[in-house]
Amino acid sequence: MIEKEIENILKKLGEDPSREGLLKTPARASKSWEFLTKGYKEDLKSLLNGAVFTEKYDEMVIVKDIELFSMCEHHLLPFYGKCHVAYLPDGRLIGLSKIPRIIEAFARRLQVQERLTSQIADTLMELLKPLGVAVVIEATHLCMVMRGVEKQHSVAVTSSMLGVFRSDISARNEFLSLIRTK
């Protein structure tokens, strides 16, 4: 289905889908779009596979510089960057590799960066019931870089601060300070 639509788009652009260089493009583009939007088919429960554990740890947990790639829902162009996540446990921990998997599940959908940031934070808050969750995403949007305003070095930064990260400025500042260190 997507394959046929790609072929139609090529025709509307004035291209000949039967020329050698484009013969397999509709099939390749279709597979590419299935991969880039695979997050719609992700089941978070399966993804977590029971990786939430009871543990008496009460210090901040941070996973930073997690690469992410997503697609702008307004222009169907990629945006990419880094995601930084922290939570302050209240008796429950999550396997560290599950945090990038949660990010990936939401990033592999048509998105806006603001919603993506909130979805990650809300999901961790719901799953872990921690004292707080903080998420910061820094991303470059190709819809701003290669078209439109064409600002090559622009970076969009979004954040979601829940629980103590919203109410306690020292917790927020500790998180922000730690994600800035190399």
Protein backbone atom coordinates (compact mmCIF):
# COMPACT_ATOMS: atom_id res chain seq x y z
CA MET A 1 0.00 0.00 0.00
CA ILE A 2 2.71 2.52 1.00
CA GLU A 3 4.76 1.29 -1.95
CA LYS A 4 2.07 2.29 -4.44
CA GLU A 5 1.67 5.70 -2.78
CA ILE A 6 5.44 6.33 -3.01
CA GLU A 7 5.28 5.48 -6.70
CA ASN A 8 2.43 8.00 -7.10
CA ILE A 9 4.42 10.67 -5.25
CA LEU A 10 7.38 10.09 -7.56
CA LYS A 11 5.11 10.52 -10.57
CA LYS A 12 3.58 13.72 -9.14
CA LEU A 13 7.09 15.10 -8.60
CA GLY A 14 7.71 14.59 -12.33
CA GLU A 15 9.87 11.50 -11.94
CA ASP A 16 9.67 8.22 -13.82
CA PRO A 17 9.38 5.39 -11.27
CA SER A 18 10.36 2.91 -14.00
CA ARG A 19 13.81 4.40 -14.57
CA GLU A 20 16.72 2.30 -13.32
CA GLY A 21 17.63 4.41 -10.27
CA LEU A 22 14.03 4.49 -9.02
CA LEU A 23 12.88 0.94 -9.82
CA LYS A 24 13.22 -0.31 -6.24
CA THR A 25 12.70 3.03 -4.50
CA PRO A 26 9.00 2.51 -3.65
CA ALA A 27 9.78 -0.82 -1.95
CA ARG A 28 12.83 0.58 -0.13
CA ALA A 29 10.96 3.71 0.96
CA SER A 30 8.03 1.62 2.17
CA LYS A 31 10.36 -0.52 4.34
CA SER A 32 12.06 2.63 5.57
CA TRP A 33 8.74 4.20 6.65
CA GLU A 34 7.71 0.98 8.41
CA PHE A 35 10.96 1.09 10.39
CA LEU A 36 10.78 4.83 11.12
CA THR A 37 7.25 4.48 12.50
CA LYS A 38 7.57 1.10 14.21
CA GLY A 39 6.76 2.72 17.54
CA TYR A 40 3.05 2.50 16.75
CA LYS A 41 3.33 -1.29 17.01
CA GLU A 42 5.37 -1.33 20.22
CA ASP A 43 3.69 -2.70 23.33
CA LEU A 44 5.30 -1.10 26.40
CA LYS A 45 4.36 -3.99 28.65
CA SER A 46 6.16 -6.48 26.40
CA LEU A 47 9.02 -4.06 25.96
CA LEU A 48 9.59 -3.85 29.72
CA ASN A 49 9.44 -7.62 30.14
CA GLY A 50 9.09 -7.38 33.92
CA ALA A 51 12.20 -5.21 34.35
CA VAL A 52 10.80 -3.17 37.25
CA PHE A 53 12.35 -4.19 40.56
CA THR A 54 11.78 -3.46 44.23
CA GLU A 55 14.89 -1.88 45.71
CA LYS A 56 15.63 0.46 48.61
CA TYR A 57 17.64 2.96 46.60
CA ASP A 58 16.76 6.60 47.13
CA GLU A 59 19.27 8.60 45.09
CA MET A 60 18.82 10.05 41.64
CA VAL A 61 19.15 7.68 38.67
CA ILE A 62 20.23 9.35 35.43
CA VAL A 63 20.69 7.98 31.94
CA LYS A 64 21.98 10.74 29.71
CA ASP A 65 23.04 11.32 26.12
CA ILE A 66 20.61 8.72 24.76
CA GLU A 67 20.53 9.14 20.98
CA LEU A 68 17.11 9.54 19.46
CA PHE A 69 15.73 9.82 15.96
CA SER A 70 12.17 10.76 15.16
CA MET A 71 10.01 12.18 12.37
CA CYS A 72 8.40 15.62 12.51
CA GLU A 73 4.68 15.14 12.03
CA HIS A 74 4.35 18.53 10.34
CA HIS A 75 6.89 18.07 7.53
CA LEU A 76 7.67 14.33 7.57
CA LEU A 77 11.35 15.14 8.00
CA PRO A 78 13.65 13.73 10.68
CA PHE A 79 14.72 15.31 13.91
CA TYR A 80 17.49 13.82 15.97
CA GLY A 81 19.42 14.51 19.13
CA LYS A 82 19.94 13.43 22.71
CA CYS A 83 17.59 12.61 25.53
CA HIS A 84 18.50 12.86 29.21
CA VAL A 85 16.32 11.08 31.77
CA ALA A 86 16.36 11.03 35.55
CA TYR A 87 14.11 9.64 38.21
CA LEU A 88 14.16 9.66 41.98
CA PRO A 89 13.07 6.17 43.05
CA ASP A 90 10.53 5.45 45.74
CA GLY A 91 11.20 1.74 46.20
CA ARG A 92 11.14 0.72 42.51
CA LEU A 93 13.89 0.65 39.89
CA ILE A 94 13.73 -0.04 36.17
CA GLY A 95 16.38 -1.92 34.18
CA LEU A 96 18.58 0.82 32.74
CA SER A 97 18.32 -0.49 29.18
CA LYS A 98 14.55 -0.10 29.33
CA ILE A 99 14.79 3.69 29.45
CA PRO A 100 16.26 3.95 25.91
CA ARG A 101 13.71 1.37 24.77
CA ILE A 102 10.85 3.54 26.06
CA ILE A 103 12.35 6.55 24.30
CA GLU A 104 12.66 4.57 21.07
CA ALA A 105 9.05 3.34 21.26
CA PHE A 106 7.74 6.91 21.34
CA ALA A 107 10.39 8.42 19.04
CA ARG A 108 9.58 5.95 16.25
CA ARG A 109 6.25 7.64 15.60
CA LEU A 110 5.30 10.85 13.86
CA GLN A 111 6.03 13.36 16.60
CA VAL A 112 6.54 16.82 17.89
CA GLN A 113 9.44 17.11 20.31
CA GLU A 114 7.27 18.59 23.05
CA ARG A 115 4.87 15.61 23.06
CA LEU A 116 7.74 13.13 22.89
CA THR A 117 9.32 14.69 25.99
CA SER A 118 6.07 14.46 27.94
CA GLN A 119 5.27 10.91 26.82
CA ILE A 120 8.63 9.65 28.11
CA ALA A 121 8.24 11.42 31.45
CA ASP A 122 4.59 10.45 31.94
CA THR A 123 5.31 6.80 31.12
CA LEU A 124 8.15 6.55 33.65
CA MET A 125 6.05 8.31 36.27
CA GLU A 126 3.19 5.88 35.73
CA LEU A 127 5.38 2.75 35.63
CA LEU A 128 7.65 3.46 38.57
CA LYS A 129 5.60 5.77 40.79
CA PRO A 130 8.85 7.56 41.71
CA LEU A 131 9.21 10.76 43.70
CA GLY A 132 9.92 12.51 40.42
CA VAL A 133 10.95 12.22 36.77
CA ALA A 134 12.94 14.67 34.64
CA VAL A 135 13.39 14.50 30.87
CA VAL A 136 15.32 16.88 28.64
CA ILE A 137 15.58 16.48 24.87
CA GLU A 138 17.99 18.47 22.71
CA ALA A 139 17.32 17.97 19.01
CA THR A 140 18.10 19.27 15.54
CA HIS A 141 15.10 19.41 13.23
CA LEU A 142 15.75 18.99 9.52
CA CYS A 143 12.55 20.94 8.82
CA MET A 144 14.43 23.97 10.22
CA VAL A 145 17.88 23.06 8.92
CA MET A 146 17.36 22.03 5.29
CA ARG A 147 14.17 23.98 4.47
CA GLY A 148 12.18 26.85 5.96
CA VAL A 149 14.47 29.14 7.95
CA GLU A 150 17.55 27.01 7.12
CA LYS A 151 19.34 27.60 10.41
CA GLN A 152 22.11 25.00 10.39
CA HIS A 153 23.12 25.10 14.05
CA SER A 154 19.76 25.47 15.75
CA VAL A 155 18.86 23.06 18.53
CA ALA A 156 15.45 22.77 20.17
CA VAL A 157 15.45 21.97 23.89
CA THR A 158 12.37 20.69 25.69
CA SER A 159 11.88 19.48 29.24
CA SER A 160 9.35 17.76 31.40
CA MET A 161 9.80 17.96 35.16
CA LEU A 162 7.41 15.92 37.29
CA GLY A 163 7.12 15.39 41.04
CA VAL A 164 10.13 16.63 43.04
CA PHE A 165 11.86 17.84 39.88
CA ARG A 166 9.03 20.35 39.48
CA SER A 167 8.61 21.31 43.14
CA ASP A 168 12.19 21.12 44.49
CA ILE A 169 14.58 23.53 42.78
CA SER A 170 17.65 21.79 44.26
CA ALA A 171 16.65 18.42 42.73
CA ARG A 172 16.02 20.12 39.40
CA ASN A 173 19.35 21.96 39.54
CA GLU A 174 21.24 18.79 40.48
CA PHE A 175 19.76 17.00 37.45
CA LEU A 176 20.49 19.89 35.08
CA SER A 177 24.04 20.18 36.42
CA LEU A 178 24.72 16.45 36.04
CA ILE A 179 23.51 16.25 32.46
CA ARG A 180 25.84 19.12 31.50
CA THR A 181 29.00 17.37 32.75
CA LYS A 182 30.99 15.28 30.30
